[in-house]
Each structure stands twice: as structure tokens, then as C-alpha cells.
Amino acid sequence: QGIVDIVLNLENELPFKDESFDIITATNIFEHLYTFGAIIGSIKALK
């Protein structure tokens, strides 16, 4: 939907290489994930 590039299960580990991004944004999504550790764990994908 919208401008979504990749469809995936947001409760699973994010499939991106380490240190891939300068910024990760997550607006109004934490409350909708029963298991949201993957997003907080996305620190690996950040430079």
C-alpha cells in the first residue's frame, strides 16, 4: 500500500545487511506488533 517497496512480516528479524541505513523511522507501528523486538533490534541495520 502507499509507497511500500517490500512486504514482509514485521515481527520477524528484518532482512537487511548490517550497517545499511543512516536512519530508521518507525511511526505508529510499535503498538501494532505483538512481538516488536525485531524493530528495536534493527540497531544492527543502522550505520
All heavy atoms as atom14 arrays in JSON, in Angstrom:
{
  "sequence": "QGIVDIVLNLENELPFKDESFDIITATNIFEHLYTFGAIIGSIKALK",
  "atom14_mask": [
    [1, 1, 1, 1, 1, 1, 1, 1, 1, 0, 0, 0, 0, 0],
    [1, 1, 1, 1, 0, 0, 0, 0, 0, 0, 0, 0, 0, 0],
    [1, 1, 1, 1, 1, 1, 1, 1, 0, 0, 0, 0, 0, 0],
    [1, 1, 1, 1, 1, 1, 1, 0, 0, 0, 0, 0, 0, 0],
    [1, 1, 1, 1, 1, 1, 1, 1, 0, 0, 0, 0, 0, 0],
    [1, 1, 1, 1, 1, 1, 1, 1, 0, 0, 0, 0, 0, 0],
    [1, 1, 1, 1, 1, 1, 1, 0, 0, 0, 0, 0, 0, 0],
    [1, 1, 1, 1, 1, 1, 1, 1, 0, 0, 0, 0, 0, 0],
    [1, 1, 1, 1, 1, 1, 1, 1, 0, 0, 0, 0, 0, 0],
    [1, 1, 1, 1, 1, 1, 1, 1, 0, 0, 0, 0, 0, 0],
    [1, 1, 1, 1, 1, 1, 1, 1, 1, 0, 0, 0, 0, 0],
    [1, 1, 1, 1, 1, 1, 1, 1, 0, 0, 0, 0, 0, 0],
    [1, 1, 1, 1, 1, 1, 1, 1, 1, 0, 0, 0, 0, 0],
    [1, 1, 1, 1, 1, 1, 1, 1, 0, 0, 0, 0, 0, 0],
    [1, 1, 1, 1, 1, 1, 1, 0, 0, 0, 0, 0, 0, 0],
    [1, 1, 1, 1, 1, 1, 1, 1, 1, 1, 1, 0, 0, 0],
    [1, 1, 1, 1, 1, 1, 1, 1, 1, 0, 0, 0, 0, 0],
    [1, 1, 1, 1, 1, 1, 1, 1, 0, 0, 0, 0, 0, 0],
    [1, 1, 1, 1, 1, 1, 1, 1, 1, 0, 0, 0, 0, 0],
    [1, 1, 1, 1, 1, 1, 0, 0, 0, 0, 0, 0, 0, 0],
    [1, 1, 1, 1, 1, 1, 1, 1, 1, 1, 1, 0, 0, 0],
    [1, 1, 1, 1, 1, 1, 1, 1, 0, 0, 0, 0, 0, 0],
    [1, 1, 1, 1, 1, 1, 1, 1, 0, 0, 0, 0, 0, 0],
    [1, 1, 1, 1, 1, 1, 1, 1, 0, 0, 0, 0, 0, 0],
    [1, 1, 1, 1, 1, 1, 1, 0, 0, 0, 0, 0, 0, 0],
    [1, 1, 1, 1, 1, 0, 0, 0, 0, 0, 0, 0, 0, 0],
    [1, 1, 1, 1, 1, 1, 1, 0, 0, 0, 0, 0, 0, 0],
    [1, 1, 1, 1, 1, 1, 1, 1, 0, 0, 0, 0, 0, 0],
    [1, 1, 1, 1, 1, 1, 1, 1, 0, 0, 0, 0, 0, 0],
    [1, 1, 1, 1, 1, 1, 1, 1, 1, 1, 1, 0, 0, 0],
    [1, 1, 1, 1, 1, 1, 1, 1, 1, 0, 0, 0, 0, 0],
    [1, 1, 1, 1, 1, 1, 1, 1, 1, 1, 0, 0, 0, 0],
    [1, 1, 1, 1, 1, 1, 1, 1, 0, 0, 0, 0, 0, 0],
    [1, 1, 1, 1, 1, 1, 1, 1, 1, 1, 1, 1, 0, 0],
    [1, 1, 1, 1, 1, 1, 1, 0, 0, 0, 0, 0, 0, 0],
    [1, 1, 1, 1, 1, 1, 1, 1, 1, 1, 1, 0, 0, 0],
    [1, 1, 1, 1, 0, 0, 0, 0, 0, 0, 0, 0, 0, 0],
    [1, 1, 1, 1, 1, 0, 0, 0, 0, 0, 0, 0, 0, 0],
    [1, 1, 1, 1, 1, 1, 1, 1, 0, 0, 0, 0, 0, 0],
    [1, 1, 1, 1, 1, 1, 1, 1, 0, 0, 0, 0, 0, 0],
    [1, 1, 1, 1, 0, 0, 0, 0, 0, 0, 0, 0, 0, 0],
    [1, 1, 1, 1, 1, 1, 0, 0, 0, 0, 0, 0, 0, 0],
    [1, 1, 1, 1, 1, 1, 1, 1, 0, 0, 0, 0, 0, 0],
    [1, 1, 1, 1, 1, 1, 1, 1, 1, 0, 0, 0, 0, 0],
    [1, 1, 1, 1, 1, 0, 0, 0, 0, 0, 0, 0, 0, 0],
    [1, 1, 1, 1, 1, 1, 1, 1, 0, 0, 0, 0, 0, 0],
    [1, 1, 1, 1, 1, 1, 1, 1, 1, 0, 0, 0, 0, 0]
  ],
  "atom14_positions": [
    [[0.86, -1.19, 0.0], [0.0, 0.0, 0.0], [0.89, 1.23, 0.0], [2.07, 1.14, 0.31], [-0.94, 0.02, 1.21], [-0.23, -0.08, 2.55], [-1.18, 0.02, 3.73], [-2.1, 0.83, 3.74], [-0.98, -0.83, 4.74], [0.0, 0.0, 0.0], [0.0, 0.0, 0.0], [0.0, 0.0, 0.0], [0.0, 0.0, 0.0], [0.0, 0.0, 0.0]],
    [[0.3, 2.38, -0.35], [1.09, 3.61, -0.34], [2.34, 3.47, -1.2], [2.29, 3.09, -2.36], [0.0, 0.0, 0.0], [0.0, 0.0, 0.0], [0.0, 0.0, 0.0], [0.0, 0.0, 0.0], [0.0, 0.0, 0.0], [0.0, 0.0, 0.0], [0.0, 0.0, 0.0], [0.0, 0.0, 0.0], [0.0, 0.0, 0.0], [0.0, 0.0, 0.0]],
    [[3.5, 3.77, -0.59], [4.76, 3.68, -1.32], [5.62, 2.51, -0.8], [6.85, 2.55, -0.87], [5.55, 5.0, -1.21], [5.79, 5.37, 0.26], [4.82, 6.12, -1.93], [6.72, 6.58, 0.44], [0.0, 0.0, 0.0], [0.0, 0.0, 0.0], [0.0, 0.0, 0.0], [0.0, 0.0, 0.0], [0.0, 0.0, 0.0], [0.0, 0.0, 0.0]],
    [[4.97, 1.47, -0.29], [5.68, 0.32, 0.26], [6.5, -0.37, -0.83], [5.99, -0.71, -1.9], [4.69, -0.67, 0.9], [5.41, -1.96, 1.3], [4.02, -0.05, 2.11], [0.0, 0.0, 0.0], [0.0, 0.0, 0.0], [0.0, 0.0, 0.0], [0.0, 0.0, 0.0], [0.0, 0.0, 0.0], [0.0, 0.0, 0.0], [0.0, 0.0, 0.0]],
    [[7.79, -0.57, -0.56], [8.68, -1.24, -1.5], [8.76, -2.74, -1.25], [8.83, -3.54, -2.18], [10.1, -0.65, -1.39], [10.15, 0.82, -1.72], [9.76, 1.18, -2.84], [10.56, 1.6, -0.85], [0.0, 0.0, 0.0], [0.0, 0.0, 0.0], [0.0, 0.0, 0.0], [0.0, 0.0, 0.0], [0.0, 0.0, 0.0], [0.0, 0.0, 0.0]],
    [[8.78, -3.12, 0.04], [8.97, -4.52, 0.4], [7.88, -4.94, 1.39], [7.65, -4.26, 2.39], [10.36, -4.74, 1.04], [11.46, -4.29, 0.08], [10.55, -6.2, 1.43], [12.86, -4.32, 0.7], [0.0, 0.0, 0.0], [0.0, 0.0, 0.0], [0.0, 0.0, 0.0], [0.0, 0.0, 0.0], [0.0, 0.0, 0.0], [0.0, 0.0, 0.0]],
    [[7.24, -6.06, 1.11], [6.24, -6.62, 2.01], [6.9, -7.74, 2.81], [7.53, -8.65, 2.24], [5.04, -7.19, 1.22], [4.06, -7.89, 2.15], [4.34, -6.08, 0.45], [0.0, 0.0, 0.0], [0.0, 0.0, 0.0], [0.0, 0.0, 0.0], [0.0, 0.0, 0.0], [0.0, 0.0, 0.0], [0.0, 0.0, 0.0], [0.0, 0.0, 0.0]],
    [[6.78, -7.66, 4.14], [7.37, -8.69, 5.0], [6.67, -8.73, 6.35], [5.88, -7.85, 6.69], [8.87, -8.46, 5.16], [9.39, -7.05, 5.53], [9.19, -6.76, 6.99], [10.87, -6.93, 5.18], [0.0, 0.0, 0.0], [0.0, 0.0, 0.0], [0.0, 0.0, 0.0], [0.0, 0.0, 0.0], [0.0, 0.0, 0.0], [0.0, 0.0, 0.0]],
    [[6.96, -9.75, 7.11], [6.41, -9.91, 8.46], [7.25, -9.06, 9.41], [8.41, -9.38, 9.68], [6.45, -11.38, 8.87], [5.77, -11.62, 10.22], [5.61, -10.7, 11.03], [5.36, -12.85, 10.46], [0.0, 0.0, 0.0], [0.0, 0.0, 0.0], [0.0, 0.0, 0.0], [0.0, 0.0, 0.0], [0.0, 0.0, 0.0], [0.0, 0.0, 0.0]],
    [[6.66, -8.01, 9.95], [7.41, -7.05, 10.77], [7.74, -7.6, 12.15], [8.47, -6.96, 12.9], [6.61, -5.75, 10.9], [6.32, -5.01, 9.6], [5.53, -3.74, 9.88], [7.6, -4.68, 8.85], [0.0, 0.0, 0.0], [0.0, 0.0, 0.0], [0.0, 0.0, 0.0], [0.0, 0.0, 0.0], [0.0, 0.0, 0.0], [0.0, 0.0, 0.0]],
    [[7.2, -8.78, 12.49], [7.53, -9.38, 13.79], [8.74, -10.3, 13.68], [9.24, -10.79, 14.69], [6.32, -10.11, 14.35], [5.19, -9.16, 14.72], [4.04, -9.84, 15.43], [3.97, -11.09, 15.36], [3.22, -9.14, 16.03], [0.0, 0.0, 0.0], [0.0, 0.0, 0.0], [0.0, 0.0, 0.0], [0.0, 0.0, 0.0], [0.0, 0.0, 0.0]],
    [[9.2, -10.55, 12.46], [10.4, -11.35, 12.26], [11.62, -10.43, 12.14], [11.5, -9.22, 11.98], [10.28, -12.2, 11.0], [9.21, -13.27, 11.14], [8.85, -13.66, 12.26], [8.7, -13.74, 10.02], [0.0, 0.0, 0.0], [0.0, 0.0, 0.0], [0.0, 0.0, 0.0], [0.0, 0.0, 0.0], [0.0, 0.0, 0.0], [0.0, 0.0, 0.0]],
    [[12.8, -11.04, 12.2], [14.03, -10.27, 12.06], [14.06, -9.6, 10.69], [13.73, -10.22, 9.67], [15.24, -11.19, 12.22], [16.56, -10.44, 12.19], [17.75, -11.35, 12.5], [17.52, -12.49, 12.92], [18.89, -10.89, 12.29], [0.0, 0.0, 0.0], [0.0, 0.0, 0.0], [0.0, 0.0, 0.0], [0.0, 0.0, 0.0], [0.0, 0.0, 0.0]],
    [[14.44, -8.36, 10.67], [14.46, -7.6, 9.42], [15.59, -8.1, 8.5], [16.73, -8.25, 8.95], [14.64, -6.11, 9.71], [13.52, -5.5, 10.56], [13.85, -4.05, 10.9], [12.17, -5.58, 9.84], [0.0, 0.0, 0.0], [0.0, 0.0, 0.0], [0.0, 0.0, 0.0], [0.0, 0.0, 0.0], [0.0, 0.0, 0.0], [0.0, 0.0, 0.0]],
    [[15.29, -8.34, 7.22], [16.26, -8.99, 6.32], [17.2, -8.01, 5.62], [17.28, -7.96, 4.39], [15.33, -9.66, 5.29], [14.18, -8.71, 5.18], [13.98, -8.15, 6.58], [0.0, 0.0, 0.0], [0.0, 0.0, 0.0], [0.0, 0.0, 0.0], [0.0, 0.0, 0.0], [0.0, 0.0, 0.0], [0.0, 0.0, 0.0], [0.0, 0.0, 0.0]],
    [[17.9, -7.2, 6.43], [18.83, -6.24, 5.83], [20.24, -6.46, 6.38], [20.43, -6.89, 7.52], [18.37, -4.81, 6.13], [17.02, -4.49, 5.56], [15.9, -4.44, 6.38], [16.86, -4.27, 4.2], [14.64, -4.16, 5.86], [15.61, -3.99, 3.68], [14.5, -3.94, 4.5], [0.0, 0.0, 0.0], [0.0, 0.0, 0.0], [0.0, 0.0, 0.0]],
    [[21.22, -6.14, 5.55], [22.61, -6.31, 5.97], [22.95, -5.33, 7.09], [22.35, -4.27, 7.22], [23.54, -6.08, 4.77], [23.4, -7.13, 3.67], [24.36, -6.83, 2.53], [24.22, -7.87, 1.42], [25.13, -7.6, 0.28], [0.0, 0.0, 0.0], [0.0, 0.0, 0.0], [0.0, 0.0, 0.0], [0.0, 0.0, 0.0], [0.0, 0.0, 0.0]],
    [[23.93, -5.7, 7.88], [24.38, -4.83, 8.96], [24.88, -3.5, 8.39], [25.49, -3.46, 7.31], [25.52, -5.48, 9.74], [25.05, -6.7, 10.53], [23.83, -6.98, 10.51], [25.89, -7.37, 11.16], [0.0, 0.0, 0.0], [0.0, 0.0, 0.0], [0.0, 0.0, 0.0], [0.0, 0.0, 0.0], [0.0, 0.0, 0.0], [0.0, 0.0, 0.0]],
    [[24.59, -2.44, 9.13], [25.05, -1.08, 8.8], [24.64, -0.66, 7.39], [25.45, -0.14, 6.62], [26.57, -0.97, 9.0], [27.0, -1.26, 10.44], [28.42, -0.86, 10.75], [29.1, -0.35, 9.84], [28.84, -1.03, 11.9], [0.0, 0.0, 0.0], [0.0, 0.0, 0.0], [0.0, 0.0, 0.0], [0.0, 0.0, 0.0], [0.0, 0.0, 0.0]],
    [[23.36, -0.85, 7.08], [22.84, -0.49, 5.76], [22.22, 0.9, 5.7], [22.15, 1.5, 4.63], [21.78, -1.51, 5.32], [22.33, -2.79, 5.15], [0.0, 0.0, 0.0], [0.0, 0.0, 0.0], [0.0, 0.0, 0.0], [0.0, 0.0, 0.0], [0.0, 0.0, 0.0], [0.0, 0.0, 0.0], [0.0, 0.0, 0.0], [0.0, 0.0, 0.0]],
    [[21.76, 1.43, 6.86], [20.95, 2.65, 6.85], [21.52, 3.72, 7.78], [22.08, 3.43, 8.84], [19.51, 2.34, 7.26], [18.83, 1.35, 6.35], [18.76, 0.01, 6.69], [18.29, 1.76, 5.14], [18.15, -0.91, 5.85], [17.67, 0.86, 4.29], [17.6, -0.49, 4.64], [0.0, 0.0, 0.0], [0.0, 0.0, 0.0], [0.0, 0.0, 0.0]],
    [[21.3, 4.97, 7.37], [21.66, 6.11, 8.21], [20.56, 6.4, 9.23], [20.83, 6.86, 10.34], [21.87, 7.36, 7.35], [22.97, 7.18, 6.32], [24.14, 7.08, 6.74], [22.66, 7.13, 5.11], [0.0, 0.0, 0.0], [0.0, 0.0, 0.0], [0.0, 0.0, 0.0], [0.0, 0.0, 0.0], [0.0, 0.0, 0.0], [0.0, 0.0, 0.0]],
    [[19.31, 6.17, 8.83], [18.14, 6.47, 9.67], [17.11, 5.36, 9.49], [16.89, 4.89, 8.37], [17.49, 7.82, 9.27], [18.5, 8.96, 9.33], [16.28, 8.13, 10.16], [18.03, 10.23, 8.63], [0.0, 0.0, 0.0], [0.0, 0.0, 0.0], [0.0, 0.0, 0.0], [0.0, 0.0, 0.0], [0.0, 0.0, 0.0], [0.0, 0.0, 0.0]],
    [[16.49, 4.97, 10.59], [15.33, 4.09, 10.54], [14.18, 4.82, 11.22], [14.32, 5.32, 12.33], [15.58, 2.75, 11.24], [16.66, 1.96, 10.5], [14.29, 1.92, 11.33], [17.03, 0.64, 11.15], [0.0, 0.0, 0.0], [0.0, 0.0, 0.0], [0.0, 0.0, 0.0], [0.0, 0.0, 0.0], [0.0, 0.0, 0.0], [0.0, 0.0, 0.0]],
    [[13.04, 4.91, 10.52], [11.85, 5.54, 11.11], [10.79, 4.47, 11.35], [10.64, 3.53, 10.56], [11.29, 6.66, 10.21], [10.98, 6.14, 8.91], [12.29, 7.79, 10.07], [0.0, 0.0, 0.0], [0.0, 0.0, 0.0], [0.0, 0.0, 0.0], [0.0, 0.0, 0.0], [0.0, 0.0, 0.0], [0.0, 0.0, 0.0], [0.0, 0.0, 0.0]],
    [[10.06, 4.65, 12.44], [9.01, 3.68, 12.82], [7.88, 4.45, 13.5], [7.8, 4.51, 14.72], [9.57, 2.61, 13.75], [0.0, 0.0, 0.0], [0.0, 0.0, 0.0], [0.0, 0.0, 0.0], [0.0, 0.0, 0.0], [0.0, 0.0, 0.0], [0.0, 0.0, 0.0], [0.0, 0.0, 0.0], [0.0, 0.0, 0.0], [0.0, 0.0, 0.0]],
    [[7.03, 5.09, 12.71], [5.95, 5.9, 13.27], [4.68, 5.08, 13.4], [4.21, 4.48, 12.43], [5.67, 7.14, 12.39], [5.4, 6.73, 11.05], [6.87, 8.07, 12.39], [0.0, 0.0, 0.0], [0.0, 0.0, 0.0], [0.0, 0.0, 0.0], [0.0, 0.0, 0.0], [0.0, 0.0, 0.0], [0.0, 0.0, 0.0], [0.0, 0.0, 0.0]],
    [[4.15, 5.05, 14.62], [2.87, 4.39, 14.9], [2.84, 2.93, 14.48], [1.88, 2.46, 13.87], [1.72, 5.15, 14.22], [1.64, 6.59, 14.66], [1.88, 6.9, 15.82], [1.33, 7.47, 13.73], [0.0, 0.0, 0.0], [0.0, 0.0, 0.0], [0.0, 0.0, 0.0], [0.0, 0.0, 0.0], [0.0, 0.0, 0.0], [0.0, 0.0, 0.0]],
    [[3.9, 2.21, 14.83], [3.95, 0.79, 14.49], [4.19, -0.09, 15.72], [3.7, -1.22, 15.78], [5.03, 0.52, 13.41], [4.99, -0.94, 12.93], [6.42, 0.9, 13.9], [3.7, -1.35, 12.28], [0.0, 0.0, 0.0], [0.0, 0.0, 0.0], [0.0, 0.0, 0.0], [0.0, 0.0, 0.0], [0.0, 0.0, 0.0], [0.0, 0.0, 0.0]],
    [[4.91, 0.41, 16.72], [5.21, -0.41, 17.9], [3.95, -1.02, 18.52], [3.94, -2.18, 18.91], [5.93, 0.43, 18.96], [7.42, 0.52, 18.78], [8.0, 0.31, 17.54], [8.23, 0.82, 19.85], [9.37, 0.39, 17.36], [9.61, 0.91, 19.69], [10.18, 0.69, 18.45], [0.0, 0.0, 0.0], [0.0, 0.0, 0.0], [0.0, 0.0, 0.0]],
    [[2.88, -0.22, 18.63], [1.68, -0.69, 19.32], [0.95, -1.78, 18.56], [0.11, -2.5, 19.12], [0.73, 0.49, 19.6], [0.04, 1.08, 18.39], [0.82, 2.17, 17.7], [2.05, 2.26, 17.94], [0.21, 2.93, 16.92], [0.0, 0.0, 0.0], [0.0, 0.0, 0.0], [0.0, 0.0, 0.0], [0.0, 0.0, 0.0], [0.0, 0.0, 0.0]],
    [[1.26, -1.92, 17.27], [0.56, -2.91, 16.44], [1.32, -4.22, 16.29], [0.85, -5.13, 15.59], [0.3, -2.31, 15.05], [-0.61, -1.13, 15.08], [-1.91, -1.2, 15.54], [-0.41, 0.16, 14.73], [-2.47, 0.0, 15.46], [-1.57, 0.84, 14.99], [0.0, 0.0, 0.0], [0.0, 0.0, 0.0], [0.0, 0.0, 0.0], [0.0, 0.0, 0.0]],
    [[2.48, -4.34, 16.92], [3.27, -5.56, 16.84], [3.26, -6.28, 18.18], [3.73, -5.73, 19.18], [4.71, -5.23, 16.44], [4.9, -4.51, 15.1], [6.37, -4.25, 14.86], [4.3, -5.3, 13.96], [0.0, 0.0, 0.0], [0.0, 0.0, 0.0], [0.0, 0.0, 0.0], [0.0, 0.0, 0.0], [0.0, 0.0, 0.0], [0.0, 0.0, 0.0]],
    [[2.72, -7.48, 18.2], [2.7, -8.23, 19.46], [4.13, -8.57, 19.88], [4.47, -8.54, 21.05], [1.87, -9.51, 19.3], [1.65, -10.22, 20.6], [0.73, -9.72, 21.53], [2.36, -11.37, 20.93], [0.54, -10.35, 22.75], [2.17, -12.0, 22.14], [1.26, -11.49, 23.05], [1.06, -12.13, 24.25], [0.0, 0.0, 0.0], [0.0, 0.0, 0.0]],
    [[4.94, -8.89, 18.89], [6.38, -9.11, 19.13], [7.13, -8.07, 18.31], [7.14, -8.13, 17.09], [6.8, -10.52, 18.68], [6.02, -11.47, 19.37], [8.28, -10.75, 18.97], [0.0, 0.0, 0.0], [0.0, 0.0, 0.0], [0.0, 0.0, 0.0], [0.0, 0.0, 0.0], [0.0, 0.0, 0.0], [0.0, 0.0, 0.0], [0.0, 0.0, 0.0]],
    [[7.72, -7.1, 18.96], [8.32, -5.97, 18.25], [9.82, -5.89, 18.45], [10.45, -4.9, 18.12], [7.68, -4.65, 18.68], [7.7, -4.43, 20.16], [8.75, -3.78, 20.77], [6.66, -4.89, 20.94], [8.77, -3.58, 22.14], [6.68, -4.71, 22.32], [7.72, -4.06, 22.91], [0.0, 0.0, 0.0], [0.0, 0.0, 0.0], [0.0, 0.0, 0.0]],
    [[10.41, -6.96, 18.99], [11.84, -6.95, 19.23], [12.66, -6.75, 17.98], [13.76, -6.21, 18.02], [0.0, 0.0, 0.0], [0.0, 0.0, 0.0], [0.0, 0.0, 0.0], [0.0, 0.0, 0.0], [0.0, 0.0, 0.0], [0.0, 0.0, 0.0], [0.0, 0.0, 0.0], [0.0, 0.0, 0.0], [0.0, 0.0, 0.0], [0.0, 0.0, 0.0]],
    [[12.12, -7.2, 16.82], [12.88, -7.07, 15.58], [13.13, -5.61, 15.22], [14.18, -5.26, 14.69], [12.13, -7.76, 14.44], [0.0, 0.0, 0.0], [0.0, 0.0, 0.0], [0.0, 0.0, 0.0], [0.0, 0.0, 0.0], [0.0, 0.0, 0.0], [0.0, 0.0, 0.0], [0.0, 0.0, 0.0], [0.0, 0.0, 0.0], [0.0, 0.0, 0.0]],
    [[12.15, -4.75, 15.53], [12.32, -3.34, 15.19], [13.36, -2.69, 16.1], [14.25, -1.99, 15.66], [10.99, -2.59, 15.27], [10.08, -3.04, 14.13], [11.2, -1.08, 15.21], [8.78, -2.29, 14.04], [0.0, 0.0, 0.0], [0.0, 0.0, 0.0], [0.0, 0.0, 0.0], [0.0, 0.0, 0.0], [0.0, 0.0, 0.0], [0.0, 0.0, 0.0]],
    [[13.22, -2.95, 17.41], [14.22, -2.39, 18.32], [15.59, -3.02, 18.02], [16.63, -2.38, 18.12], [13.79, -2.62, 19.78], [12.55, -1.77, 20.08], [14.91, -2.28, 20.74], [12.07, -1.82, 21.5], [0.0, 0.0, 0.0], [0.0, 0.0, 0.0], [0.0, 0.0, 0.0], [0.0, 0.0, 0.0], [0.0, 0.0, 0.0], [0.0, 0.0, 0.0]],
    [[15.56, -4.3, 17.63], [16.8, -4.98, 17.28], [17.37, -4.54, 15.94], [18.44, -5.01, 15.53], [0.0, 0.0, 0.0], [0.0, 0.0, 0.0], [0.0, 0.0, 0.0], [0.0, 0.0, 0.0], [0.0, 0.0, 0.0], [0.0, 0.0, 0.0], [0.0, 0.0, 0.0], [0.0, 0.0, 0.0], [0.0, 0.0, 0.0], [0.0, 0.0, 0.0]],
    [[16.68, -3.65, 15.27], [17.14, -3.16, 13.97], [18.4, -2.32, 14.09], [18.94, -1.85, 13.08], [16.04, -2.32, 13.3], [15.71, -1.2, 14.11], [0.0, 0.0, 0.0], [0.0, 0.0, 0.0], [0.0, 0.0, 0.0], [0.0, 0.0, 0.0], [0.0, 0.0, 0.0], [0.0, 0.0, 0.0], [0.0, 0.0, 0.0], [0.0, 0.0, 0.0]],
    [[18.9, -2.16, 15.31], [20.14, -1.42, 15.52], [21.26, -2.0, 14.65], [22.15, -1.29, 14.2], [20.54, -1.42, 17.02], [21.73, -0.49, 17.26], [20.8, -2.83, 17.52], [22.02, -0.25, 18.74], [0.0, 0.0, 0.0], [0.0, 0.0, 0.0], [0.0, 0.0, 0.0], [0.0, 0.0, 0.0], [0.0, 0.0, 0.0], [0.0, 0.0, 0.0]],
    [[21.17, -3.3, 14.38], [22.2, -3.93, 13.53], [22.21, -3.36, 12.12], [23.24, -3.29, 11.47], [21.97, -5.44, 13.46], [22.19, -6.18, 14.77], [22.15, -7.69, 14.58], [20.81, -8.14, 14.02], [20.75, -9.62, 13.85], [0.0, 0.0, 0.0], [0.0, 0.0, 0.0], [0.0, 0.0, 0.0], [0.0, 0.0, 0.0], [0.0, 0.0, 0.0]],
    [[21.03, -2.97, 11.63], [20.91, -2.45, 10.27], [21.33, -0.99, 10.15], [21.46, -0.46, 9.04], [19.49, -2.62, 9.76], [0.0, 0.0, 0.0], [0.0, 0.0, 0.0], [0.0, 0.0, 0.0], [0.0, 0.0, 0.0], [0.0, 0.0, 0.0], [0.0, 0.0, 0.0], [0.0, 0.0, 0.0], [0.0, 0.0, 0.0], [0.0, 0.0, 0.0]],
    [[21.55, -0.34, 11.3], [21.96, 1.06, 11.3], [23.48, 1.18, 11.21], [24.22, 0.4, 11.8], [21.5, 1.75, 12.58], [20.08, 2.29, 12.63], [19.76, 2.78, 14.04], [19.87, 3.41, 11.62], [0.0, 0.0, 0.0], [0.0, 0.0, 0.0], [0.0, 0.0, 0.0], [0.0, 0.0, 0.0], [0.0, 0.0, 0.0], [0.0, 0.0, 0.0]],
    [[23.91, 2.19, 10.49], [25.33, 2.52, 10.48], [25.71, 3.1, 11.84], [24.86, 3.6, 12.58], [25.62, 3.55, 9.38], [25.33, 3.06, 7.97], [25.56, 4.16, 6.95], [25.21, 3.7, 5.54], [25.39, 4.78, 4.54], [0.0, 0.0, 0.0], [0.0, 0.0, 0.0], [0.0, 0.0, 0.0], [0.0, 0.0, 0.0], [0.0, 0.0, 0.0]]
  ]
}
